[in-house]
Structure formats: structure tokens, C-alpha cells
Amino acid sequence: MQLKPPGSPFRCSGCQEVGFGRSYHCQNKNCGYILHEECANADSHASHRFFHRSQFEFYEKAPGNRVRYCDACGKDVLGFVYHCSLTGYDLHPCCLYLKDSISDEEGQISLQLCEKVPSVCVKCNHRNVVDGVKGWSYVSSGSGRKYCYHVSCVKQLILENLNRGYFTQETNSIGMSDREYSQLAVRSMEMVPSGGSWRRSGTLRKYTKIAVLIFKLIFSAVFGNPITAIAALVEALVSD
């Protein structure tokens, strides 16, 4: 297995989840085996601050015969998983290692990973991912209203656009159209606190730029780090 830099989207052969960041590839010509960094370097045992009573053990296949779902994103467990036999919780490897906080280089935007959310998700307009599953969210920090975005909703949004062909498989870049990126930005704009300095000091162009930045940060946290691959596209969008 050889570690390769971020490139075109892939589906991990271990956990079966999509990724965009660095990944391990088998060097045999006839083998298409590919793994997230988190799946290739999985620890045999792990813990997470949201589950104080849980001690997770790594499995290549979820134990038991019933369908299991990830308690972070609510998506089905289809391959590699961290499972706690005591509490019954399950986590995708990539979800287990989601960053606790993410921010832009200038420190203007800061988002925190939360188990309990203060408001509904911007995209789905619900607190829970599905009935009975809360799911984790990235929540805007600072004073005023807190804006939430489910990890699950980010995954679903990207999968929908991946299936529509907005991400190229042939090149080491993301081939989303400006129109589609604008739509994604608009969906994210509500995460910018209303009445704050963003609206007072800027035009619609700046407001869109902040929305795109928020989307990029969450995208990168959930799927790897594709920021370098999409930087040129984003700059072209916000400068139009």
C-alpha cells in the first residue's frame, strides 16, 4: 500500500465510505484496493469524548447479524467499524477521528463538533438525523444564534452531487460547475449569523464568500482535505 495525496473522489474498500483526501492504494496493477488514512492506520482500541462509557474495538466487519449504523452520522455500517460491546455504539473510522473544531486560516470562522445541538440543522431543518438518531453536527461558535450542520447532511449533499457527475473521476481535481457551487454556497449561507458583522460590513459577494468558506471547512473535515484542489474554483466563484 502506498500513500497518495488528495485527488479524485474514491470509495474506501474498508469502510465503504467516500473520501477525497489522502489515501492508501495497492500498487499491484490488477488490484483496486484503496483505504482512507484512518482505515489503513486503524487502532485496535479507541475512545471518544462523546461516549465516556464506551471502549471501542476495531472490526473489519460489524459483529452480530443485524444492520448497524454509525452513531456519529447515522449512515449504515457497511465495512470497517469501531464497536463497543458494552454500550452497543458504532462509529465509522473517519467519524471517530473528526476534528473537534475547524477554522479558517484568518480565524474569522470557527465551528465546533457537537453531540447535542442548540438548533435545527440548516440543511434538513431537523435536530435528529433520523428518528431516534441525533447524529453529530458542526456548530458555529461565537455570540448570538448557533448555526448547525449535520455531518450526515454534508455526506448526503456530496453523495448526491457525486452521483450527478459534478465531481470528475478522471482528474485530480473537483469538477463541480460554478452554478452548482453557487447553489451549495447558498445552502450554506444561513450558517452565517444574521445581523452580525458579515452583513453590516459586506456585500452579497462577501456574504457568498463566507458561505463558501464555511462549506469548504465542513467538507474538508468530513471527507479529507480537498481545499487545495478546489481553491482555484472557489476563488473564481467569489470574484465573479
Protein backbone atom coordinates (compact mmCIF):
# COMPACT_ATOMS: atom_id res chain seq x y z
CA MET A 1 0.00 0.00 0.00
CA GLN A 2 1.29 3.47 -0.89
CA LEU A 3 0.06 6.78 0.50
CA LYS A 4 -1.12 9.16 -2.23
CA PRO A 5 -2.07 12.87 -1.99
CA PRO A 6 -5.67 14.15 -2.26
CA GLY A 7 -7.13 13.63 -5.69
CA SER A 8 -10.32 12.49 -7.33
CA PRO A 9 -13.06 11.03 -5.11
CA PHE A 10 -12.85 7.38 -4.11
CA ARG A 11 -14.84 4.82 -2.16
CA CYS A 12 -12.82 3.21 0.61
CA SER A 13 -12.51 -0.56 0.26
CA GLY A 14 -12.53 -0.85 4.05
CA CYS A 15 -15.42 1.20 5.40
CA GLN A 16 -17.18 1.74 2.04
CA GLU A 17 -17.45 5.48 2.67
CA VAL A 18 -16.48 8.17 0.14
CA GLY A 19 -13.28 10.15 0.56
CA PHE A 20 -11.39 12.99 -1.15
CA GLY A 21 -8.29 13.32 1.00
CA ARG A 22 -5.06 11.35 1.20
CA SER A 23 -5.47 7.60 0.75
CA TYR A 24 -3.55 4.35 0.57
CA HIS A 25 -3.55 2.50 -2.77
CA CYS A 26 -2.43 -1.04 -3.55
CA GLN A 27 0.43 -0.92 -6.05
CA ASN A 28 -0.49 -4.19 -7.80
CA LYS A 29 -1.79 -3.34 -11.26
CA ASN A 30 -4.82 -5.61 -11.07
CA CYS A 31 -5.85 -4.58 -7.56
CA GLY A 32 -8.12 -1.62 -6.92
CA TYR A 33 -7.88 -1.77 -3.12
CA ILE A 34 -7.90 1.72 -1.57
CA LEU A 35 -8.21 2.90 2.02
CA HIS A 36 -8.77 6.12 3.93
CA GLU A 37 -5.80 7.04 6.10
CA GLU A 38 -8.00 6.39 9.14
CA CYS A 39 -8.89 2.91 7.89
CA ALA A 40 -5.34 1.99 6.88
CA ASN A 41 -3.94 3.10 10.23
CA ALA A 42 -6.82 1.94 12.43
CA ASP A 43 -6.08 1.42 16.12
CA SER A 44 -7.21 -1.85 17.66
CA HIS A 45 -8.88 0.08 20.50
CA ALA A 46 -10.09 3.66 20.76
CA SER A 47 -12.30 6.02 22.76
CA HIS A 48 -14.26 9.21 22.11
CA ARG A 49 -15.15 12.11 24.39
CA PHE A 50 -18.85 11.93 23.45
CA PHE A 51 -19.11 8.35 24.76
CA HIS A 52 -17.49 8.27 28.18
CA ARG A 53 -18.68 4.76 29.00
CA SER A 54 -17.62 3.25 25.67
CA GLN A 55 -14.40 1.46 24.79
CA PHE A 56 -14.36 0.91 21.05
CA GLU A 57 -12.74 -2.06 19.35
CA PHE A 58 -11.88 -2.11 15.65
CA TYR A 59 -13.67 -4.68 13.45
CA GLU A 60 -13.31 -5.33 9.74
CA LYS A 61 -16.99 -6.31 9.80
CA ALA A 62 -19.57 -5.27 12.37
CA PRO A 63 -20.29 -8.05 14.89
CA GLY A 64 -23.70 -9.66 15.02
CA ASN A 65 -26.27 -10.26 12.31
CA ARG A 66 -28.34 -7.09 12.47
CA VAL A 67 -27.85 -3.95 10.40
CA ARG A 68 -25.82 -1.40 12.31
CA TYR A 69 -25.50 2.36 11.82
CA CYS A 70 -22.85 4.90 12.78
CA ASP A 71 -23.85 6.87 15.87
CA ALA A 72 -21.99 9.92 14.54
CA CYS A 73 -23.54 10.32 11.08
CA GLY A 74 -26.47 7.88 11.17
CA LYS A 75 -25.34 6.13 7.97
CA ASP A 76 -25.27 2.32 7.71
CA VAL A 77 -22.12 0.47 8.69
CA LEU A 78 -21.04 -1.48 5.60
CA GLY A 79 -17.44 -2.40 6.44
CA PHE A 80 -14.74 -1.32 8.89
CA VAL A 81 -16.18 -0.07 12.16
CA TYR A 82 -15.35 0.77 15.76
CA HIS A 83 -17.82 -1.04 18.01
CA CYS A 84 -18.34 -1.01 21.77
CA SER A 85 -19.74 -4.29 23.04
CA LEU A 86 -20.76 -2.70 26.36
CA THR A 87 -22.85 0.21 25.08
CA GLY A 88 -23.58 -1.00 21.55
CA TYR A 89 -22.35 2.18 19.89
CA ASP A 90 -20.73 2.09 16.44
CA LEU A 91 -18.56 4.63 14.63
CA HIS A 92 -17.11 4.79 11.14
CA PRO A 93 -13.31 5.18 11.39
CA CYS A 94 -13.48 8.59 9.69
CA CYS A 95 -16.26 9.75 12.01
CA LEU A 96 -14.32 8.64 15.08
CA TYR A 97 -11.47 10.94 14.09
CA LEU A 98 -13.47 14.01 13.05
CA LYS A 99 -11.79 17.19 14.28
CA ASP A 100 -13.26 18.71 17.43
CA SER A 101 -13.01 22.19 15.91
CA ILE A 102 -12.28 23.68 12.50
CA SER A 103 -11.50 27.25 11.49
CA ASP A 104 -10.16 29.25 8.59
CA GLU A 105 -6.56 30.44 8.48
CA GLU A 106 -7.50 34.00 9.44
CA GLY A 107 -9.60 32.86 12.37
CA GLN A 108 -12.79 34.53 11.14
CA ILE A 109 -14.85 31.33 11.06
CA SER A 110 -14.85 28.72 13.81
CA LEU A 111 -17.03 25.61 14.03
CA GLN A 112 -17.24 23.09 16.85
CA LEU A 113 -18.16 19.40 16.63
CA CYS A 114 -21.15 18.83 18.91
CA GLU A 115 -23.19 15.84 20.02
CA LYS A 116 -26.07 17.94 21.33
CA VAL A 117 -27.22 20.74 19.04
CA PRO A 118 -28.72 24.10 20.08
CA SER A 119 -30.92 24.40 16.97
CA VAL A 120 -32.08 22.52 13.90
CA CYS A 121 -29.72 21.64 11.04
CA VAL A 122 -29.52 24.31 8.35
CA LYS A 123 -29.99 21.80 5.53
CA CYS A 124 -32.62 19.35 6.81
CA ASN A 125 -34.32 21.65 9.35
CA HIS A 126 -34.36 18.90 11.99
CA ARG A 127 -32.42 18.24 15.19
CA ASN A 128 -32.11 14.49 14.61
CA VAL A 129 -30.55 12.83 11.57
CA VAL A 130 -33.35 10.25 11.54
CA ASP A 131 -35.92 9.22 14.14
CA GLY A 132 -34.07 8.21 17.28
CA VAL A 133 -30.61 9.12 15.94
CA LYS A 134 -29.30 12.54 16.95
CA GLY A 135 -26.13 12.50 14.90
CA TRP A 136 -23.21 14.89 15.29
CA SER A 137 -23.11 18.43 13.93
CA TYR A 138 -20.63 21.19 13.30
CA VAL A 139 -21.92 24.28 15.09
CA SER A 140 -20.85 27.88 14.63
CA SER A 141 -19.18 29.45 17.65
CA GLY A 142 -19.35 32.97 18.98
CA SER A 143 -22.18 35.03 20.42
CA GLY A 144 -25.71 35.05 19.08
CA ARG A 145 -27.61 32.25 17.41
CA LYS A 146 -25.80 28.97 16.84
CA TYR A 147 -25.97 27.51 13.33
CA CYS A 148 -25.78 23.73 12.95
CA TYR A 149 -24.91 21.43 10.08
CA HIS A 150 -25.28 17.66 10.46
CA VAL A 151 -22.27 15.57 9.45
CA SER A 152 -24.84 13.25 7.86
CA CYS A 153 -26.33 16.07 5.76
CA VAL A 154 -22.89 17.08 4.48
CA LYS A 155 -22.27 13.48 3.45
CA GLN A 156 -25.63 13.23 1.72
CA LEU A 157 -25.18 16.53 -0.10
CA ILE A 158 -21.83 15.46 -1.52
CA LEU A 159 -23.05 11.96 -2.45
CA GLU A 160 -25.98 13.47 -4.35
CA ASN A 161 -23.67 15.69 -6.37
CA LEU A 162 -21.17 12.88 -6.86
CA ASN A 163 -23.93 10.77 -8.39
CA ARG A 164 -24.91 13.66 -10.67
CA GLY A 165 -21.40 13.80 -12.08
CA TYR A 166 -20.28 17.09 -10.55
CA PHE A 167 -17.03 15.50 -9.37
CA THR A 168 -14.64 14.22 -12.01
CA GLN A 169 -13.07 10.79 -11.66
CA GLU A 170 -10.50 11.30 -14.42
CA THR A 171 -8.53 14.19 -12.94
CA ASN A 172 -7.04 15.08 -9.61
CA SER A 173 -9.47 17.92 -9.10
CA ILE A 174 -13.09 18.52 -8.30
CA GLY A 175 -15.07 19.27 -11.42
CA MET A 176 -18.12 20.97 -9.93
CA SER A 177 -19.68 23.67 -12.07
CA ASP A 178 -19.77 27.29 -10.88
CA ARG A 179 -23.57 27.13 -10.90
CA GLU A 180 -23.63 24.06 -8.65
CA TYR A 181 -21.04 25.51 -6.31
CA SER A 182 -23.14 28.67 -6.08
CA GLN A 183 -26.15 26.56 -5.11
CA LEU A 184 -24.13 24.79 -2.42
CA ALA A 185 -22.93 28.14 -1.15
CA VAL A 186 -26.47 29.49 -0.94
CA ARG A 187 -27.50 26.44 1.07
CA SER A 188 -24.65 27.20 3.47
CA MET A 189 -25.18 30.94 3.73
CA GLU A 190 -27.74 30.62 6.52
CA MET A 191 -24.89 29.40 8.73
CA VAL A 192 -23.54 32.96 8.79
CA PRO A 193 -25.10 34.67 11.84
CA SER A 194 -27.70 37.21 10.75
CA GLY A 195 -27.26 40.76 11.93
CA GLY A 196 -23.55 40.23 12.52
CA SER A 197 -20.51 41.96 11.10
CA TRP A 198 -20.68 39.88 7.92
CA ARG A 199 -23.93 41.51 6.80
CA ARG A 200 -23.12 45.01 8.11
CA SER A 201 -19.71 45.26 6.50
CA GLY A 202 -20.09 43.37 3.27
CA THR A 203 -21.98 43.00 0.05
CA LEU A 204 -23.71 39.88 -1.24
CA ARG A 205 -20.39 38.88 -2.80
CA LYS A 206 -18.66 38.87 0.58
CA TYR A 207 -21.62 37.07 2.15
CA THR A 208 -21.34 34.36 -0.51
CA LYS A 209 -17.60 34.14 0.06
CA ILE A 210 -18.11 33.50 3.77
CA ALA A 211 -20.74 30.86 2.99
CA VAL A 212 -18.38 29.08 0.60
CA LEU A 213 -15.64 29.19 3.22
CA ILE A 214 -17.91 27.57 5.81
CA PHE A 215 -18.89 24.89 3.33
CA LYS A 216 -15.23 24.22 2.46
CA LEU A 217 -14.28 23.84 6.11
CA ILE A 218 -17.00 21.30 6.86
CA PHE A 219 -16.39 19.48 3.57
CA SER A 220 -12.71 19.15 4.40
CA ALA A 221 -13.37 17.92 7.94
CA VAL A 222 -15.77 15.19 6.79
CA PHE A 223 -14.16 13.98 3.55
CA GLY A 224 -10.47 14.67 3.98
CA ASN A 225 -8.72 17.81 2.85
CA PRO A 226 -9.69 18.81 -0.70
CA ILE A 227 -9.17 22.53 -0.11
CA THR A 228 -6.11 22.75 -2.37
CA ALA A 229 -7.99 21.01 -5.17
CA ILE A 230 -10.97 23.38 -5.10
CA ALA A 231 -9.23 26.63 -4.14
CA ALA A 232 -8.99 27.96 -7.70
CA LEU A 233 -12.64 27.19 -8.40
CA VAL A 234 -13.80 28.91 -5.24
CA GLU A 235 -11.68 31.99 -5.89
CA ALA A 236 -13.17 32.23 -9.40
CA LEU A 237 -16.68 31.94 -7.99
CA VAL A 238 -16.41 34.60 -5.30
CA SER A 239 -14.63 37.06 -7.60
CA ASP A 240 -17.34 36.97 -10.31
